[in-house]
C-alpha atoms as a PDB file:
ATOM      1  CA  MET A   1      28.958 -13.861   3.802  1.00  0.00           C
ATOM      2  CA  MET A   2      25.927 -14.396   6.004  1.00  0.00           C
ATOM      3  CA  ARG A   3      26.247 -14.416   9.768  1.00  0.00           C
ATOM      4  CA  ILE A   4      24.095 -15.018  12.832  1.00  0.00           C
ATOM      5  CA  ILE A   5      23.263 -11.508  14.065  1.00  0.00           C
ATOM      6  CA  ALA A   6      22.831 -11.952  17.814  1.00  0.00           C
ATOM      7  CA  GLY A   7      22.411 -14.374  20.691  1.00  0.00           C
ATOM      8  CA  THR A   8      24.646 -17.232  21.793  1.00  0.00           C
ATOM      9  CA  HIS A   9      26.068 -17.634  18.267  1.00  0.00           C
ATOM     10  CA  GLY A  10      26.131 -13.949  17.265  1.00  0.00           C
ATOM     11  CA  GLY A  11      28.790 -13.233  14.638  1.00  0.00           C
ATOM     12  CA  ARG A  12      29.152 -16.884  13.551  1.00  0.00           C
ATOM     13  CA  LYS A  13      29.227 -17.459   9.790  1.00  0.00           C
ATOM     14  CA  ILE A  14      26.406 -19.302   8.010  1.00  0.00           C
ATOM     15  CA  PHE A  15      27.031 -21.352   4.886  1.00  0.00           C
ATOM     16  CA  SER A  16      25.114 -19.950   1.930  1.00  0.00           C
ATOM     17  CA  ILE A  17      23.791 -21.082  -1.453  1.00  0.00           C
ATOM     18  CA  PRO A  18      25.862 -20.371  -4.598  1.00  0.00           C
ATOM     19  CA  LYS A  19      24.764 -17.127  -6.273  1.00  0.00           C
ATOM     20  CA  ASP A  20      23.718 -18.921  -9.483  1.00  0.00           C
ATOM     21  CA  LYS A  21      21.128 -20.928  -7.501  1.00  0.00           C
ATOM     22  CA  PHE A  22      17.708 -19.274  -7.565  1.00  0.00           C
ATOM     23  CA  VAL A  23      17.488 -18.680  -3.814  1.00  0.00           C
ATOM     24  CA  LYS A  24      17.184 -15.190  -2.360  1.00  0.00           C
ATOM     25  CA  PRO A  25      18.197 -15.308   1.319  1.00  0.00           C
ATOM     26  CA  ILE A  26      16.538 -12.904   3.753  1.00  0.00           C
ATOM     27  CA  SER A  27      18.616  -9.744   4.096  1.00  0.00           C
ATOM     28  CA  GLY A  28      20.451  -9.052   7.356  1.00  0.00           C
ATOM     29  CA  ARG A  29      18.443  -5.839   7.757  1.00  0.00           C
ATOM     30  CA  ILE A  30      15.071  -7.607   7.537  1.00  0.00           C
ATOM     31  CA  ARG A  31      16.280 -10.442   9.787  1.00  0.00           C
ATOM     32  CA  GLN A  32      17.452  -7.933  12.425  1.00  0.00           C
ATOM     33  CA  SER A  33      14.151  -6.051  12.280  1.00  0.00           C
ATOM     34  CA  LEU A  34      12.133  -9.282  12.380  1.00  0.00           C
ATOM     35  CA  PHE A  35      13.888 -10.538  15.505  1.00  0.00           C
ATOM     36  CA  ASP A  36      13.582  -7.154  17.208  1.00  0.00           C
ATOM     37  CA  MET A  37       9.812  -7.608  16.829  1.00  0.00           C
ATOM     38  CA  LEU A  38       9.875 -11.269  17.888  1.00  0.00           C
ATOM     39  CA  ARG A  39      12.091 -10.667  20.934  1.00  0.00           C
ATOM     40  CA  PRO A  40       9.264 -10.991  23.533  1.00  0.00           C
ATOM     41  CA  TYR A  41       8.235 -14.402  22.148  1.00  0.00           C
ATOM     42  CA  ILE A  42      11.485 -16.136  21.193  1.00  0.00           C
ATOM     43  CA  THR A  43      12.828 -17.574  24.462  1.00  0.00           C
ATOM     44  CA  GLY A  44      11.813 -21.218  24.712  1.00  0.00           C
ATOM     45  CA  ALA A  45       9.757 -21.055  21.497  1.00  0.00           C
ATOM     46  CA  VAL A  46       9.195 -23.961  19.129  1.00  0.00           C
ATOM     47  CA  PHE A  47      10.010 -22.348  15.763  1.00  0.00           C
ATOM     48  CA  LEU A  48       8.889 -23.506  12.301  1.00  0.00           C
ATOM     49  CA  ASP A  49      10.874 -22.222   9.292  1.00  0.00           C
ATOM     50  CA  LEU A  50       8.978 -22.931   6.038  1.00  0.00           C
ATOM     51  CA  TYR A  51      10.757 -22.534   2.660  1.00  0.00           C
ATOM     52  CA  ALA A  52      13.881 -22.488   4.824  1.00  0.00           C
ATOM     53  CA  GLY A  53      16.492 -21.827   2.093  1.00  0.00           C
ATOM     54  CA  THR A  54      19.802 -21.606   4.001  1.00  0.00           C
ATOM     55  CA  GLY A  55      18.028 -21.910   7.357  1.00  0.00           C
ATOM     56  CA  ALA A  56      19.174 -18.413   8.395  1.00  0.00           C
ATOM     57  CA  VAL A  57      15.894 -17.481  10.123  1.00  0.00           C
ATOM     58  CA  GLY A  58      15.508 -20.683  12.144  1.00  0.00           C
ATOM     59  CA  LEU A  59      19.222 -20.639  13.059  1.00  0.00           C
ATOM     60  CA  GLU A  60      18.890 -17.047  14.253  1.00  0.00           C
ATOM     61  CA  ALA A  61      15.890 -18.131  16.356  1.00  0.00           C
ATOM     62  CA  LEU A  62      17.952 -20.891  18.001  1.00  0.00           C
ATOM     63  CA  SER A  63      20.825 -18.491  18.691  1.00  0.00           C
ATOM     64  CA  ARG A  64      18.370 -16.118  20.376  1.00  0.00           C
ATOM     65  CA  GLY A  65      16.865 -18.724  22.685  1.00  0.00           C
ATOM     66  CA  ALA A  66      14.266 -20.799  20.809  1.00  0.00           C
ATOM     67  CA  SER A  67      14.094 -24.282  22.310  1.00  0.00           C
ATOM     68  CA  LYS A  68      13.623 -26.015  18.952  1.00  0.00           C
ATOM     69  CA  ALA A  69      13.562 -25.186  15.235  1.00  0.00           C
ATOM     70  CA  VAL A  70      12.037 -27.263  12.441  1.00  0.00           C
ATOM     71  CA  PHE A  71      13.198 -26.422   8.903  1.00  0.00           C
ATOM     72  CA  VAL A  72      11.158 -27.419   5.817  1.00  0.00           C
ATOM     73  CA  GLU A  73      12.755 -27.096   2.372  1.00  0.00           C
ATOM     74  CA  LYS A  74      12.223 -29.064  -0.853  1.00  0.00           C
ATOM     75  CA  ASP A  75      15.468 -28.201  -2.685  1.00  0.00           C
ATOM     76  CA  GLY A  76      18.173 -30.823  -2.164  1.00  0.00           C
ATOM     77  CA  GLN A  77      21.091 -28.376  -2.361  1.00  0.00           C
ATOM     78  CA  CYS A  78      19.434 -26.063   0.174  1.00  0.00           C
ATOM     79  CA  MET A  79      18.833 -29.045   2.470  1.00  0.00           C
ATOM     80  CA  LYS A  80      22.549 -29.894   2.432  1.00  0.00           C
ATOM     81  CA  VAL A  81      23.374 -26.285   3.375  1.00  0.00           C
ATOM     82  CA  ILE A  82      20.815 -26.276   6.228  1.00  0.00           C
ATOM     83  CA  GLU A  83      22.196 -29.561   7.590  1.00  0.00           C
ATOM     84  CA  LYS A  84      25.761 -28.249   7.294  1.00  0.00           C
ATOM     85  CA  ASN A  85      24.782 -25.072   9.193  1.00  0.00           C
ATOM     86  CA  ILE A  86      22.992 -27.019  11.947  1.00  0.00           C
ATOM     87  CA  LEU A  87      26.088 -29.184  12.433  1.00  0.00           C
ATOM     88  CA  ALA A  88      28.597 -26.303  12.256  1.00  0.00           C
ATOM     89  CA  LEU A  89      26.662 -24.282  14.860  1.00  0.00           C
ATOM     90  CA  GLY A  90      26.175 -27.257  17.189  1.00  0.00           C
ATOM     91  CA  PHE A  91      22.374 -27.205  16.998  1.00  0.00           C
ATOM     92  CA  THR A  92      21.844 -30.918  16.218  1.00  0.00           C
ATOM     93  CA  GLU A  93      19.916 -31.500  19.472  1.00  0.00           C
ATOM     94  CA  LYS A  94      17.533 -28.578  18.864  1.00  0.00           C
ATOM     95  CA  ALA A  95      17.057 -28.598  15.088  1.00  0.00           C
ATOM     96  CA  LYS A  96      15.277 -30.846  12.587  1.00  0.00           C
ATOM     97  CA  ALA A  97      15.648 -30.353   8.815  1.00  0.00           C
ATOM     98  CA  LEU A  98      12.930 -31.958   6.690  1.00  0.00           C
ATOM     99  CA  LYS A  99      12.937 -32.276   2.895  1.00  0.00           C
ATOM    100  CA  ALA A 100       9.375 -31.690   1.737  1.00  0.00           C
ATOM    101  CA  ASP A 101       7.160 -29.520  -0.436  1.00  0.00           C
ATOM    102  CA  VAL A 102       5.345 -27.066   1.850  1.00  0.00           C
ATOM    103  CA  LEU A 103       2.426 -26.861  -0.596  1.00  0.00           C
ATOM    104  CA  SER A 104       1.682 -30.596  -0.269  1.00  0.00           C
ATOM    105  CA  GLY A 105       0.200 -29.959   3.203  1.00  0.00           C
ATOM    106  CA  LEU A 106       1.433 -29.214   6.718  1.00  0.00           C
ATOM    107  CA  LYS A 107      -0.576 -31.419   9.112  1.00  0.00           C
ATOM    108  CA  TRP A 108       2.278 -33.972   9.272  1.00  0.00           C
ATOM    109  CA  LEU A 109       4.501 -31.319  10.919  1.00  0.00           C
ATOM    110  CA  GLU A 110       2.404 -31.556  14.091  1.00  0.00           C
ATOM    111  CA  HIS A 111       4.559 -34.500  15.221  1.00  0.00           C
ATOM    112  CA  PHE A 112       7.749 -32.415  15.131  1.00  0.00           C
ATOM    113  CA  SER A 113       6.339 -29.863  17.603  1.00  0.00           C
ATOM    114  CA  ASP A 114       5.766 -32.801  20.015  1.00  0.00           C
ATOM    115  CA  TYR A 115       2.032 -32.111  19.467  1.00  0.00           C
ATOM    116  CA  LYS A 116       2.311 -28.890  21.507  1.00  0.00           C
ATOM    117  CA  GLY A 117       1.860 -26.590  18.509  1.00  0.00           C
ATOM    118  CA  TYR A 118       4.401 -24.155  17.059  1.00  0.00           C
ATOM    119  CA  ASP A 119       4.933 -20.851  18.858  1.00  0.00           C
ATOM    120  CA  ILE A 120       6.389 -18.987  15.872  1.00  0.00           C
ATOM    121  CA  VAL A 121       6.067 -19.811  12.174  1.00  0.00           C
ATOM    122  CA  PHE A 122       8.158 -17.976   9.591  1.00  0.00           C
ATOM    123  CA  MET A 123       7.553 -18.412   5.881  1.00  0.00           C
ATOM    124  CA  GLY A 124       9.549 -16.792   3.113  1.00  0.00           C
ATOM    125  CA  PRO A 125       8.321 -18.481  -0.066  1.00  0.00           C
ATOM    126  CA  PRO A 126      10.176 -17.735  -3.305  1.00  0.00           C
ATOM    127  CA  TYR A 127       8.885 -14.657  -5.151  1.00  0.00           C
ATOM    128  CA  ARG A 128       9.682 -15.751  -8.696  1.00  0.00           C
ATOM    129  CA  THR A 129      10.557 -18.737 -10.874  1.00  0.00           C
ATOM    130  CA  GLU A 130      13.917 -19.072 -12.629  1.00  0.00           C
ATOM    131  CA  ASP A 131      12.126 -17.632 -15.689  1.00  0.00           C
ATOM    132  CA  ASN A 132      11.235 -14.547 -13.608  1.00  0.00           C
ATOM    133  CA  LEU A 133       7.524 -15.351 -13.443  1.00  0.00           C
ATOM    134  CA  PRO A 134       5.801 -14.343 -10.200  1.00  0.00           C
ATOM    135  CA  LEU A 135       4.970 -17.070  -7.703  1.00  0.00           C
ATOM    136  CA  PHE A 136       2.127 -16.507  -5.288  1.00  0.00           C
ATOM    137  CA  TYR A 137       2.655 -19.109  -2.567  1.00  0.00           C
ATOM    138  CA  SER A 138       2.018 -16.999   0.547  1.00  0.00           C
ATOM    139  CA  GLN A 139      -1.770 -17.136   0.638  1.00  0.00           C
ATOM    140  CA  GLU A 140      -1.914 -20.836  -0.173  1.00  0.00           C
ATOM    141  CA  THR A 141       0.633 -21.552   2.566  1.00  0.00           C
ATOM    142  CA  LEU A 142      -1.265 -19.454   5.115  1.00  0.00           C
ATOM    143  CA  ASN A 143      -4.452 -21.348   4.258  1.00  0.00           C
ATOM    144  CA  LEU A 144      -2.671 -24.710   4.603  1.00  0.00           C
ATOM    145  CA  LEU A 145      -1.276 -23.619   7.973  1.00  0.00           C
ATOM    146  CA  ALA A 146      -4.753 -22.661   9.198  1.00  0.00           C
ATOM    147  CA  GLU A 147      -6.199 -25.996   7.991  1.00  0.00           C
ATOM    148  CA  ALA A 148      -3.407 -28.018   9.619  1.00  0.00           C
ATOM    149  CA  LYS A 149      -4.067 -26.586  13.113  1.00  0.00           C
ATOM    150  CA  ILE A 150      -0.417 -27.000  14.160  1.00  0.00           C
ATOM    151  CA  VAL A 151       0.131 -23.667  15.937  1.00  0.00           C
ATOM    152  CA  ASN A 152      -0.667 -22.930  19.561  1.00  0.00           C
ATOM    153  CA  PRO A 153      -3.365 -20.354  20.466  1.00  0.00           C
ATOM    154  CA  LYS A 154      -0.808 -17.586  21.161  1.00  0.00           C
ATOM    155  CA  ALA A 155       1.362 -18.255  18.116  1.00  0.00           C
ATOM    156  CA  THR A 156       2.886 -15.599  15.868  1.00  0.00           C
ATOM    157  CA  ILE A 157       2.932 -16.281  12.116  1.00  0.00           C
ATOM    158  CA  VAL A 158       5.255 -14.201   9.945  1.00  0.00           C
ATOM    159  CA  VAL A 159       5.074 -14.037   6.146  1.00  0.00           C
ATOM    160  CA  GLN A 160       7.798 -12.415   4.050  1.00  0.00           C
ATOM    161  CA  HIS A 161       6.488 -11.799   0.526  1.00  0.00           C
ATOM    162  CA  HIS A 162       6.655  -9.476  -2.481  1.00  0.00           C
ATOM    163  CA  LYS A 163       4.693  -6.276  -1.816  1.00  0.00           C
ATOM    164  CA  LYS A 164       2.451  -6.982  -4.840  1.00  0.00           C
ATOM    165  CA  GLU A 165       1.519 -10.429  -3.573  1.00  0.00           C
ATOM    166  CA  PRO A 166      -1.512 -10.523  -1.280  1.00  0.00           C
ATOM    167  CA  ALA A 167      -1.246 -12.199   2.129  1.00  0.00           C
ATOM    168  CA  LEU A 168      -4.583 -12.083   3.933  1.00  0.00           C
ATOM    169  CA  ALA A 169      -5.530 -13.589   7.277  1.00  0.00           C
ATOM    170  CA  PRO A 170      -6.829 -17.131   6.728  1.00  0.00           C
ATOM    171  CA  PRO A 171      -9.950 -18.322   8.608  1.00  0.00           C
ATOM    172  CA  GLY A 172      -9.359 -18.304  12.362  1.00  0.00           C
ATOM    173  CA  PHE A 173      -6.471 -15.790  12.205  1.00  0.00           C
ATOM    174  CA  GLU A 174      -6.112 -12.020  12.361  1.00  0.00           C
ATOM    175  CA  HIS A 175      -3.614  -9.688  10.690  1.00  0.00           C
ATOM    176  CA  VAL A 176      -1.762  -7.746  13.392  1.00  0.00           C
ATOM    177  CA  ARG A 177       1.146  -5.916  11.750  1.00  0.00           C
ATOM    178  CA  GLN A 178       2.857  -5.100   8.455  1.00  0.00           C
ATOM    179  CA  GLU A 179       6.369  -3.806   7.797  1.00  0.00           C
ATOM    180  CA  LYS A 180       7.711  -2.813   4.364  1.00  0.00           C
ATOM    181  CA  TYR A 181      11.312  -2.976   3.114  1.00  0.00           C
ATOM    182  CA  GLY A 182      11.657  -1.930  -0.544  1.00  0.00           C
ATOM    183  CA  ASP A 183       9.756  -4.523  -2.611  1.00  0.00           C
ATOM    184  CA  THR A 184       9.364  -6.812   0.417  1.00  0.00           C
ATOM    185  CA  SER A 185       6.450  -6.878   2.822  1.00  0.00           C
ATOM    186  CA  VAL A 186       6.543  -8.696   6.179  1.00  0.00           C
ATOM    187  CA  ASP A 187       3.113  -9.457   7.653  1.00  0.00           C
ATOM    188  CA  PHE A 188       2.287 -10.785  11.126  1.00  0.00           C
ATOM    189  CA  PHE A 189      -0.735 -12.922  11.982  1.00  0.00           C
ATOM    190  CA  ARG A 190      -2.132 -14.458  15.164  1.00  0.00           C
ATOM    191  CA  PRO A 191      -4.879 -16.996  15.875  1.00  0.00           C
ATOM    192  CA  LEU A 192      -8.160 -15.340  16.803  1.00  0.00           C
ATOM    193  CA  LYS A 193      -9.047 -15.700  20.464  1.00  0.00           C
ATOM    194  CA  GLU A 194     -11.896 -18.162  20.868  1.00  0.00           C
END
């Protein structure tokens, strides 16, 4: 059973995806570590959760003081779970769940940040297909994010990916930190100062 770790909704249960569905939710350990690192930036942040899965990361952000979270997920069953979680936790005023393919482009998401730019972007693309073939979506998604210009100049971008998958700073961004957890790597990027 997944739960919100801390904040106003700490300890509350989160609905999950059936085990037979090919969705690997972020572990509680990585989520805790991630939010320890994001703590200075979370209060009042506009948070974008790409490849949202169950919505656990964006929901955690809202519990810890983000002013708004936008969830993007293309799987219909995952979308139902995200919407159920938003409703159950009472976040309907602060959360927006959008069914879309992240890889089809991100510029349209500008509207949902009220054209102010996102403060924090988290992406946890799937590592593998149902046939266990590796997927390498992280770099493409980072490049799309850079092209879309939808983050503010002090934004933090976080990519959770398989350690063998490259995730390099796209044009206009710099790599600022990397944490490793078993076969998972979590990389942090920021826009370059102009």
